[in-house]
Amino acid sequence: MQELNLTVLNKVGLHARPAKELVKFSRSIKSKVTVEYNGKSADIKSMMAVMALGAKQNAEVNVKIEGPDEAEVAQSLTDMFANGFGFTDEL
């Protein structure tokens, strides 16, 4: 298992658009990915669960990755968070 601490850079946090990107990404991987914030956790396969975390801009989330493609998933998620999930207008 790999564990990452990542910072949410988007101005409005982990809202619908970033959550949708996480769900879309989850379809292309084999590992199970869980995001934890403020005592709550969400599987990235659930857009509503990710949004319900309430992670706002500059929040640090803990990401747990377990599965055969952990290293690749960890790098991809690190990149996704770093570039604001591709929504540069929200950084």
Protein backbone atom coordinates (compact mmCIF):
# COMPACT_ATOMS: atom_id res chain seq x y z
CA MET A 1 0.00 0.00 0.00
CA GLN A 2 1.13 3.54 -0.77
CA GLU A 3 0.05 6.58 1.14
CA LEU A 4 0.26 10.19 -0.07
CA ASN A 5 -0.47 13.54 1.50
CA LEU A 6 -1.68 15.87 -1.25
CA THR A 7 -2.90 19.46 -1.21
CA VAL A 8 -6.11 20.55 -2.92
CA LEU A 9 -5.17 23.57 -5.03
CA ASN A 10 -8.49 24.30 -6.74
CA LYS A 11 -10.18 27.50 -5.48
CA VAL A 12 -13.43 25.71 -4.74
CA GLY A 13 -11.83 22.51 -3.44
CA LEU A 14 -12.80 18.99 -4.41
CA HIS A 15 -16.08 19.92 -6.03
CA ALA A 16 -17.91 18.33 -8.97
CA ARG A 17 -15.34 18.84 -11.72
CA PRO A 18 -12.29 17.45 -9.86
CA ALA A 19 -14.43 14.67 -8.36
CA LYS A 20 -15.56 13.72 -11.86
CA GLU A 21 -11.93 13.57 -12.99
CA LEU A 22 -11.10 11.23 -10.10
CA VAL A 23 -14.01 8.94 -11.02
CA LYS A 24 -12.95 8.93 -14.66
CA PHE A 25 -9.38 8.12 -13.62
CA SER A 26 -10.59 5.29 -11.35
CA ARG A 27 -12.00 3.47 -14.37
CA SER A 28 -8.52 3.14 -15.91
CA ILE A 29 -6.71 1.68 -12.90
CA LYS A 30 -6.65 -1.60 -10.99
CA SER A 31 -5.81 -0.25 -7.53
CA LYS A 32 -8.31 0.78 -4.89
CA VAL A 33 -7.90 4.44 -3.99
CA THR A 34 -9.32 6.10 -0.89
CA VAL A 35 -9.16 9.82 -0.10
CA GLU A 36 -9.40 10.85 3.56
CA TYR A 37 -10.07 14.30 4.95
CA ASN A 38 -11.22 15.58 8.31
CA GLY A 39 -12.17 12.14 9.63
CA LYS A 40 -14.10 11.10 6.51
CA SER A 41 -13.02 8.80 3.70
CA ALA A 42 -14.20 8.25 0.14
CA ASP A 43 -13.46 5.77 -2.61
CA ILE A 44 -12.58 7.76 -5.74
CA LYS A 45 -15.11 5.69 -7.67
CA SER A 46 -17.89 7.69 -5.97
CA MET A 47 -18.19 11.29 -7.11
CA MET A 48 -20.72 12.10 -4.38
CA ALA A 49 -18.51 10.60 -1.66
CA VAL A 50 -15.49 12.61 -2.84
CA MET A 51 -17.53 15.82 -2.88
CA ALA A 52 -18.98 15.02 0.57
CA LEU A 53 -15.48 15.12 2.07
CA GLY A 54 -15.74 18.90 1.96
CA ALA A 55 -12.05 19.39 1.15
CA LYS A 56 -11.55 23.09 0.38
CA GLN A 57 -8.66 24.90 -1.27
CA ASN A 58 -5.34 24.28 0.52
CA ALA A 59 -6.76 21.29 2.40
CA GLU A 60 -4.31 18.44 2.83
CA VAL A 61 -5.86 15.08 2.06
CA ASN A 62 -4.48 11.63 2.73
CA VAL A 63 -4.65 9.25 -0.23
CA LYS A 64 -4.29 5.49 0.20
CA ILE A 65 -3.57 3.33 -2.82
CA GLU A 66 -3.65 -0.45 -2.77
CA GLY A 67 -3.21 -2.68 -5.78
CA PRO A 68 -0.95 -3.88 -8.57
CA ASP A 69 -0.42 -0.46 -10.21
CA GLU A 70 0.21 1.57 -7.03
CA ALA A 71 3.36 3.37 -8.22
CA GLU A 72 1.79 4.56 -11.48
CA VAL A 73 -1.43 5.57 -9.71
CA ALA A 74 0.51 7.49 -7.05
CA GLN A 75 2.40 9.45 -9.70
CA SER A 76 -0.75 10.17 -11.71
CA LEU A 77 -2.66 11.38 -8.64
CA THR A 78 0.25 13.54 -7.53
CA ASP A 79 0.26 15.14 -10.99
CA MET A 80 -3.54 15.55 -11.03
CA PHE A 81 -3.58 17.37 -7.69
CA ALA A 82 -0.54 19.49 -8.64
CA ASN A 83 -2.13 20.76 -11.86
CA GLY A 84 -5.57 21.37 -10.36
CA PHE A 85 -7.11 18.41 -12.20
CA GLY A 86 -6.57 20.28 -15.47
CA PHE A 87 -8.73 23.23 -14.46
CA THR A 88 -6.00 25.87 -14.37
CA ASP A 89 -8.61 28.65 -14.26
CA GLU A 90 -9.44 27.43 -10.75
CA LEU A 91 -5.95 27.73 -9.27
